[in-house]
């Protein structure tokens, strides 16, 4: 009985870890997609670089884009 409970706990912890990893991956993918869309708007001339910088900073401040991704995107904008 104790072994069964331990195995159930292990399986639960593994499932929780996988769920957290999937959520992080989805959030990172969404952030990368937003940054790619902003970059495309800048390249097509629809969005000015200053407006793109402002948008990226706002998304980062709101927690929608991790700091490292925001910093990288801002560096690419120049």
PDB file of N, CA and C in Angstrom:
ATOM      1  N   UNK A   1       0.820  -1.187   0.000  1.00  0.00           N
ATOM      2  CA  UNK A   1       0.000   0.000   0.000  1.00  0.00           C
ATOM      3  C   UNK A   1       0.868   1.257   0.000  1.00  0.00           C
ATOM      4  N   UNK A   2       1.913   1.270   0.799  1.00  0.00           N
ATOM      5  CA  UNK A   2       2.806   2.414   0.849  1.00  0.00           C
ATOM      6  C   UNK A   2       3.514   2.595  -0.483  1.00  0.00           C
ATOM      7  N   UNK A   3       3.918   1.508  -1.107  1.00  0.00           N
ATOM      8  CA  UNK A   3       4.592   1.582  -2.403  1.00  0.00           C
ATOM      9  C   UNK A   3       3.651   2.141  -3.465  1.00  0.00           C
ATOM     10  N   UNK A   4       2.392   1.769  -3.406  1.00  0.00           N
ATOM     11  CA  UNK A   4       1.399   2.272  -4.363  1.00  0.00           C
ATOM     12  C   UNK A   4       1.234   3.775  -4.204  1.00  0.00           C
ATOM     13  N   UNK A   5       1.173   4.226  -2.969  1.00  0.00           N
ATOM     14  CA  UNK A   5       1.026   5.663  -2.710  1.00  0.00           C
ATOM     15  C   UNK A   5       2.256   6.428  -3.196  1.00  0.00           C
ATOM     16  N   UNK A   6       3.427   5.894  -2.962  1.00  0.00           N
ATOM     17  CA  UNK A   6       4.654   6.544  -3.422  1.00  0.00           C
ATOM     18  C   UNK A   6       4.662   6.631  -4.936  1.00  0.00           C
ATOM     19  N   UNK A   7       4.283   5.560  -5.613  1.00  0.00           N
ATOM     20  CA  UNK A   7       4.249   5.566  -7.086  1.00  0.00           C
ATOM     21  C   UNK A   7       3.217   6.574  -7.594  1.00  0.00           C
ATOM     22  N   UNK A   8       2.085   6.682  -6.928  1.00  0.00           N
ATOM     23  CA  UNK A   8       1.070   7.662  -7.320  1.00  0.00           C
ATOM     24  C   UNK A   8       1.605   9.079  -7.152  1.00  0.00           C
ATOM     25  N   UNK A   9       2.308   9.337  -6.061  1.00  0.00           N
ATOM     26  CA  UNK A   9       2.906  10.652  -5.826  1.00  0.00           C
ATOM     27  C   UNK A   9       3.939  10.975  -6.894  1.00  0.00           C
ATOM     28  N   UNK A  10       4.755  10.011  -7.239  1.00  0.00           N
ATOM     29  CA  UNK A  10       5.776  10.216  -8.272  1.00  0.00           C
ATOM     30  C   UNK A  10       5.106  10.539  -9.605  1.00  0.00           C
ATOM     31  N   UNK A  11       4.097   9.756  -9.976  1.00  0.00           N
ATOM     32  CA  UNK A  11       3.385   9.996 -11.233  1.00  0.00           C
ATOM     33  C   UNK A  11       2.727  11.369 -11.245  1.00  0.00           C
ATOM     34  N   UNK A  12       2.151  11.773 -10.114  1.00  0.00           N
ATOM     35  CA  UNK A  12       1.510  13.088 -10.015  1.00  0.00           C
ATOM     36  C   UNK A  12       2.536  14.198 -10.186  1.00  0.00           C
ATOM     37  N   UNK A  13       3.683  14.053  -9.534  1.00  0.00           N
ATOM     38  CA  UNK A  13       4.727  15.065  -9.636  1.00  0.00           C
ATOM     39  C   UNK A  13       5.265  15.166 -11.061  1.00  0.00           C
ATOM     40  N   UNK A  14       5.408  14.039 -11.715  1.00  0.00           N
ATOM     41  CA  UNK A  14       5.862  14.039 -13.108  1.00  0.00           C
ATOM     42  C   UNK A  14       4.832  14.753 -13.989  1.00  0.00           C
ATOM     43  N   UNK A  15       3.570  14.443 -13.810  1.00  0.00           N
ATOM     44  CA  UNK A  15       2.507  15.074 -14.600  1.00  0.00           C
ATOM     45  C   UNK A  15       2.465  16.578 -14.363  1.00  0.00           C
ATOM     46  N   UNK A  16       2.617  16.991 -13.106  1.00  0.00           N
ATOM     47  CA  UNK A  16       2.626  18.424 -12.796  1.00  0.00           C
ATOM     48  C   UNK A  16       3.829  19.111 -13.443  1.00  0.00           C
ATOM     49  N   UNK A  17       4.979  18.468 -13.408  1.00  0.00           N
ATOM     50  CA  UNK A  17       6.173  19.025 -14.043  1.00  0.00           C
ATOM     51  C   UNK A  17       6.012  19.154 -15.544  1.00  0.00           C
ATOM     52  N   UNK A  18       5.424  18.138 -16.161  1.00  0.00           N
ATOM     53  CA  UNK A  18       5.179  18.201 -17.600  1.00  0.00           C
ATOM     54  C   UNK A  18       4.209  19.332 -17.945  1.00  0.00           C
ATOM     55  N   UNK A  19       3.175  19.498 -17.135  1.00  0.00           N
ATOM     56  CA  UNK A  19       2.193  20.561 -17.379  1.00  0.00           C
ATOM     57  C   UNK A  19       2.838  21.939 -17.262  1.00  0.00           C
ATOM     58  N   UNK A  20       3.703  22.111 -16.254  1.00  0.00           N
ATOM     59  CA  UNK A  20       4.402  23.393 -16.107  1.00  0.00           C
ATOM     60  C   UNK A  20       5.315  23.651 -17.307  1.00  0.00           C
ATOM     61  N   UNK A  21       6.010  22.618 -17.756  1.00  0.00           N
ATOM     62  CA  UNK A  21       6.890  22.758 -18.908  1.00  0.00           C
ATOM     63  C   UNK A  21       6.130  23.110 -20.171  1.00  0.00           C
ATOM     64  N   UNK A  22       4.990  22.462 -20.367  1.00  0.00           N
ATOM     65  CA  UNK A  22       4.164  22.769 -21.535  1.00  0.00           C
ATOM     66  C   UNK A  22       3.650  24.203 -21.475  1.00  0.00           C
ATOM     67  N   UNK A  23       3.233  24.656 -20.303  1.00  0.00           N
ATOM     68  CA  UNK A  23       2.725  26.021 -20.155  1.00  0.00           C
ATOM     69  C   UNK A  23       3.830  27.031 -20.457  1.00  0.00           C
ATOM     70  N   UNK A  24       5.044  26.761 -19.974  1.00  0.00           N
ATOM     71  CA  UNK A  24       6.167  27.657 -20.266  1.00  0.00           C
ATOM     72  C   UNK A  24       6.457  27.693 -21.763  1.00  0.00           C
ATOM     73  N   UNK A  25       6.434  26.525 -22.380  1.00  0.00           N
ATOM     74  CA  UNK A  25       6.695  26.456 -23.812  1.00  0.00           C
ATOM     75  C   UNK A  25       5.657  27.213 -24.617  1.00  0.00           C
ATOM     76  N   UNK A  26       4.400  27.072 -24.232  1.00  0.00           N
ATOM     77  CA  UNK A  26       3.330  27.788 -24.917  1.00  0.00           C
ATOM     78  C   UNK A  26       3.472  29.291 -24.731  1.00  0.00           C
ATOM     79  N   UNK A  27       3.793  29.726 -23.524  1.00  0.00           N
ATOM     80  CA  UNK A  27       3.953  31.154 -23.254  1.00  0.00           C
ATOM     81  C   UNK A  27       5.129  31.720 -24.044  1.00  0.00           C
ATOM     82  N   UNK A  28       6.221  30.970 -24.097  1.00  0.00           N
ATOM     83  CA  UNK A  28       7.388  31.438 -24.860  1.00  0.00           C
ATOM     84  C   UNK A  28       7.055  31.497 -26.348  1.00  0.00           C
ATOM     85  N   UNK A  29       6.347  30.500 -26.848  1.00  0.00           N
ATOM     86  CA  UNK A  29       5.957  30.500 -28.254  1.00  0.00           C
ATOM     87  C   UNK A  29       5.056  31.676 -28.588  1.00  0.00           C
ATOM     88  N   UNK A  30       4.139  31.987 -27.691  1.00  0.00           N
ATOM     89  CA  UNK A  30       3.260  33.138 -27.897  1.00  0.00           C
ATOM     90  C   UNK A  30       4.071  34.432 -27.909  1.00  0.00           C
ATOM     91  N   UNK A  31       5.020  34.558 -26.990  1.00  0.00           N
ATOM     92  CA  UNK A  31       5.850  35.763 -26.930  1.00  0.00           C
ATOM     93  C   UNK A  31       6.685  35.918 -28.201  1.00  0.00           C
ATOM     94  N   UNK A  32       7.275  34.828 -28.655  1.00  0.00           N
ATOM     95  CA  UNK A  32       8.075  34.870 -29.885  1.00  0.00           C
ATOM     96  C   UNK A  32       7.184  35.262 -31.060  1.00  0.00           C
ATOM     97  N   UNK A  33       5.978  34.739 -31.110  1.00  0.00           N
ATOM     98  CA  UNK A  33       5.048  35.083 -32.180  1.00  0.00           C
ATOM     99  C   UNK A  33       4.692  36.558 -32.181  1.00  0.00           C
ATOM    100  N   UNK A  34       4.459  37.115 -31.000  1.00  0.00           N
ATOM    101  CA  UNK A  34       4.153  38.550 -30.916  1.00  0.00           C
ATOM    102  C   UNK A  34       5.327  39.382 -31.416  1.00  0.00           C
ATOM    103  N   UNK A  35       6.530  38.997 -31.004  1.00  0.00           N
ATOM    104  CA  UNK A  35       7.713  39.747 -31.433  1.00  0.00           C
ATOM    105  C   UNK A  35       7.946  39.625 -32.934  1.00  0.00           C
ATOM    106  N   UNK A  36       7.704  38.447 -33.482  1.00  0.00           N
ATOM    107  CA  UNK A  36       7.847  38.271 -34.925  1.00  0.00           C
ATOM    108  C   UNK A  36       6.828  39.123 -35.673  1.00  0.00           C
ATOM    109  N   UNK A  37       5.613  39.206 -35.156  1.00  0.00           N
ATOM    110  CA  UNK A  37       4.583  40.033 -35.787  1.00  0.00           C
ATOM    111  C   UNK A  37       4.970  41.502 -35.754  1.00  0.00           C
ATOM    112  N   UNK A  38       5.491  41.958 -34.624  1.00  0.00           N
ATOM    113  CA  UNK A  38       5.940  43.352 -34.520  1.00  0.00           C
ATOM    114  C   UNK A  38       7.067  43.608 -35.514  1.00  0.00           C
ATOM    115  N   UNK A  39       8.024  42.680 -35.580  1.00  0.00           N
ATOM    116  CA  UNK A  39       9.136  42.825 -36.530  1.00  0.00           C
ATOM    117  C   UNK A  39       8.653  42.882 -37.969  1.00  0.00           C
ATOM    118  N   UNK A  40       7.681  42.049 -38.302  1.00  0.00           N
ATOM    119  CA  UNK A  40       7.134  42.042 -39.660  1.00  0.00           C
ATOM    120  C   UNK A  40       6.445  43.371 -39.974  1.00  0.00           C
ATOM    121  N   UNK A  41       5.729  43.925 -39.013  1.00  0.00           N
ATOM    122  CA  UNK A  41       5.076  45.222 -39.214  1.00  0.00           C
ATOM    123  C   UNK A  41       6.099  46.329 -39.444  1.00  0.00           C
ATOM    124  N   UNK A  42       7.209  46.250 -38.731  1.00  0.00           N
ATOM    125  CA  UNK A  42       8.279  47.246 -38.930  1.00  0.00           C
ATOM    126  C   UNK A  42       8.892  47.081 -40.316  1.00  0.00           C
ATOM    127  N   UNK A  43       9.203  45.840 -40.690  1.00  0.00           N
ATOM    128  CA  UNK A  43       9.826  45.589 -41.998  1.00  0.00           C
ATOM    129  C   UNK A  43       8.919  45.994 -43.157  1.00  0.00           C
ATOM    130  N   UNK A  44       7.624  45.862 -42.966  1.00  0.00           N
ATOM    131  CA  UNK A  44       6.693  46.218 -44.040  1.00  0.00           C
ATOM    132  C   UNK A  44       6.359  47.702 -44.045  1.00  0.00           C
ATOM    133  N   UNK A  45       6.849  48.441 -43.064  1.00  0.00           N
ATOM    134  CA  UNK A  45       6.635  49.878 -43.016  1.00  0.00           C
ATOM    135  C   UNK A  45       5.327  50.299 -42.368  1.00  0.00           C
ATOM    136  N   UNK A  46       4.589  49.356 -41.823  1.00  0.00           N
ATOM    137  CA  UNK A  46       3.313  49.664 -41.183  1.00  0.00           C
ATOM    138  C   UNK A  46       3.521  50.266 -39.798  1.00  0.00           C
ATOM    139  N   UNK A  47       4.571  49.837 -39.122  1.00  0.00           N
ATOM    140  CA  UNK A  47       4.840  50.272 -37.753  1.00  0.00           C
ATOM    141  C   UNK A  47       6.218  50.921 -37.682  1.00  0.00           C
ATOM    142  N   UNK A  48       6.279  52.098 -37.103  1.00  0.00           N
ATOM    143  CA  UNK A  48       7.556  52.798 -36.940  1.00  0.00           C
ATOM    144  C   UNK A  48       8.387  52.109 -35.859  1.00  0.00           C
ATOM    145  N   UNK A  49       9.697  52.231 -35.969  1.00  0.00           N
ATOM    146  CA  UNK A  49      10.595  51.591 -35.004  1.00  0.00           C
ATOM    147  C   UNK A  49      10.326  52.084 -33.589  1.00  0.00           C
ATOM    148  N   UNK A  50      10.110  53.391 -33.427  1.00  0.00           N
ATOM    149  CA  UNK A  50       9.829  53.914 -32.087  1.00  0.00           C
ATOM    150  C   UNK A  50       8.543  53.320 -31.512  1.00  0.00           C
ATOM    151  N   UNK A  51       7.529  53.164 -32.339  1.00  0.00           N
ATOM    152  CA  UNK A  51       6.272  52.568 -31.893  1.00  0.00           C
ATOM    153  C   UNK A  51       6.479  51.093 -31.541  1.00  0.00           C
ATOM    154  N   UNK A  52       7.327  50.409 -32.307  1.00  0.00           N
ATOM    155  CA  UNK A  52       7.627  49.002 -32.024  1.00  0.00           C
ATOM    156  C   UNK A  52       8.349  48.878 -30.683  1.00  0.00           C
ATOM    157  N   UNK A  53       9.300  49.751 -30.444  1.00  0.00           N
ATOM    158  CA  UNK A  53      10.010  49.737 -29.155  1.00  0.00           C
ATOM    159  C   UNK A  53       9.035  49.932 -27.997  1.00  0.00           C
ATOM    160  N   UNK A  54       8.138  50.902 -28.165  1.00  0.00           N
ATOM    161  CA  UNK A  54       7.150  51.186 -27.126  1.00  0.00           C
ATOM    162  C   UNK A  54       6.265  49.966 -26.883  1.00  0.00           C
ATOM    163  N   UNK A  55       5.838  49.328 -27.959  1.00  0.00           N
ATOM    164  CA  UNK A  55       4.977  48.147 -27.845  1.00  0.00           C
ATOM    165  C   UNK A  55       5.702  47.004 -27.135  1.00  0.00           C
ATOM    166  N   UNK A  56       6.947  46.760 -27.504  1.00  0.00           N
ATOM    167  CA  UNK A  56       7.722  45.682 -26.886  1.00  0.00           C
ATOM    168  C   UNK A  56       7.921  45.950 -25.398  1.00  0.00           C
ATOM    169  N   UNK A  57       8.254  47.188 -25.055  1.00  0.00           N
ATOM    170  CA  UNK A  57       8.446  47.534 -23.644  1.00  0.00           C
ATOM    171  C   UNK A  57       7.152  47.364 -22.849  1.00  0.00           C
ATOM    172  N   UNK A  58       6.024  47.726 -23.450  1.00  0.00           N
ATOM    173  CA  UNK A  58       4.734  47.579 -22.774  1.00  0.00           C
ATOM    174  C   UNK A  58       4.393  46.106 -22.570  1.00  0.00           C
ATOM    175  N   UNK A  59       4.646  45.278 -23.579  1.00  0.00           N
ATOM    176  CA  UNK A  59       4.388  43.851 -23.453  1.00  0.00           C
ATOM    177  C   UNK A  59       5.279  43.217 -22.386  1.00  0.00           C
ATOM    178  N   UNK A  60       6.528  43.664 -22.330  1.00  0.00           N
ATOM    179  CA  UNK A  60       7.458  43.133 -21.319  1.00  0.00           C
ATOM    180  C   UNK A  60       7.016  43.565 -19.923  1.00  0.00           C
ATOM    181  N   UNK A  61       6.627  44.820 -19.788  1.00  0.00           N
ATOM    182  CA  UNK A  61       6.185  45.338 -18.490  1.00  0.00           C
ATOM    183  C   UNK A  61       4.922  44.612 -18.008  1.00  0.00           C
ATOM    184  N   UNK A  62       4.050  44.254 -18.945  1.00  0.00           N
ATOM    185  CA  UNK A  62       2.819  43.546 -18.610  1.00  0.00           C
ATOM    186  C   UNK A  62       3.051  42.058 -18.335  1.00  0.00           C
ATOM    187  N   UNK A  63       4.280  41.597 -18.529  1.00  0.00           N
ATOM    188  CA  UNK A  63       4.606  40.200 -18.270  1.00  0.00           C
ATOM    189  C   UNK A  63       4.252  39.264 -19.409  1.00  0.00           C
ATOM    190  N   UNK A  64       3.974  39.808 -20.575  1.00  0.00           N
ATOM    191  CA  UNK A  64       3.601  38.969 -21.715  1.00  0.00           C
ATOM    192  C   UNK A  64       4.815  38.492 -22.493  1.00  0.00           C
ATOM    193  N   UNK A  65       5.954  39.192 -22.311  1.00  0.00           N
ATOM    194  CA  UNK A  65       7.200  38.828 -22.981  1.00  0.00           C
ATOM    195  C   UNK A  65       8.304  38.810 -21.922  1.00  0.00           C
ATOM    196  N   UNK A  66       9.062  37.716 -21.834  1.00  0.00           N
ATOM    197  CA  UNK A  66      10.167  37.667 -20.865  1.00  0.00           C
ATOM    198  C   UNK A  66      11.216  38.742 -21.171  1.00  0.00           C
ATOM    199  N   UNK A  67      11.881  39.191 -20.135  1.00  0.00           N
ATOM    200  CA  UNK A  67      12.872  40.260 -20.253  1.00  0.00           C
ATOM    201  C   UNK A  67      13.923  39.945 -21.319  1.00  0.00           C
ATOM    202  N   UNK A  68      14.445  38.740 -21.309  1.00  0.00           N
ATOM    203  CA  UNK A  68      15.514  38.391 -22.254  1.00  0.00           C
ATOM    204  C   UNK A  68      15.032  38.477 -23.701  1.00  0.00           C
ATOM    205  N   UNK A  69      13.820  38.035 -23.974  1.00  0.00           N
ATOM    206  CA  UNK A  69      13.284  38.126 -25.341  1.00  0.00           C
ATOM    207  C   UNK A  69      13.048  39.582 -25.736  1.00  0.00           C
ATOM    208  N   UNK A  70      12.522  40.373 -24.807  1.00  0.00           N
ATOM    209  CA  UNK A  70      12.292  41.789 -25.082  1.00  0.00           C
ATOM    210  C   UNK A  70      13.610  42.500 -25.373  1.00  0.00           C
ATOM    211  N   UNK A  71      14.619  42.206 -24.575  1.00  0.00           N
ATOM    212  CA  UNK A  71      15.929  42.827 -24.769  1.00  0.00           C
ATOM    213  C   UNK A  71      16.507  42.458 -26.129  1.00  0.00           C
ATOM    214  N   UNK A  72      16.388  41.203 -26.498  1.00  0.00           N
ATOM    215  CA  UNK A  72      16.885  40.745 -27.791  1.00  0.00           C
ATOM    216  C   UNK A  72      16.156  41.437 -28.947  1.00  0.00           C
ATOM    217  N   UNK A  73      14.838  41.542 -28.826  1.00  0.00           N
ATOM    218  CA  UNK A  73      14.045  42.187 -29.878  1.00  0.00           C
ATOM    219  C   UNK A  73      14.387  43.657 -30.000  1.00  0.00           C
ATOM    220  N   UNK A  74      14.566  44.315 -28.861  1.00  0.00           N
ATOM    221  CA  UNK A  74      14.927  45.736 -28.894  1.00  0.00           C
ATOM    222  C   UNK A  74      16.303  45.945 -29.519  1.00  0.00           C
ATOM    223  N   UNK A  75      17.216  45.034 -29.254  1.00  0.00           N
ATOM    224  CA  UNK A  75      18.552  45.114 -29.838  1.00  0.00           C
ATOM    225  C   UNK A  75      18.469  44.949 -31.353  1.00  0.00           C
ATOM    226  N   UNK A  76      17.646  44.030 -31.825  1.00  0.00           N
ATOM    227  CA  UNK A  76      17.492  43.813 -33.265  1.00  0.00           C
ATOM    228  C   UNK A  76      16.902  45.032 -33.962  1.00  0.00           C
ATOM    229  N   UNK A  77      16.046  45.764 -33.258  1.00  0.00           N
ATOM    230  CA  UNK A  77      15.450  46.971 -33.849  1.00  0.00           C
ATOM    231  C   UNK A  77      16.479  48.080 -34.030  1.00  0.00           C
ATOM    232  N   UNK A  78      17.497  48.035 -33.211  1.00  0.00           N
ATOM    233  CA  UNK A  78      18.553  49.040 -33.307  1.00  0.00           C
ATOM    234  C   UNK A  78      18.351  50.223 -32.416  1.00  0.00           C
TER     235      UNK A  78
END
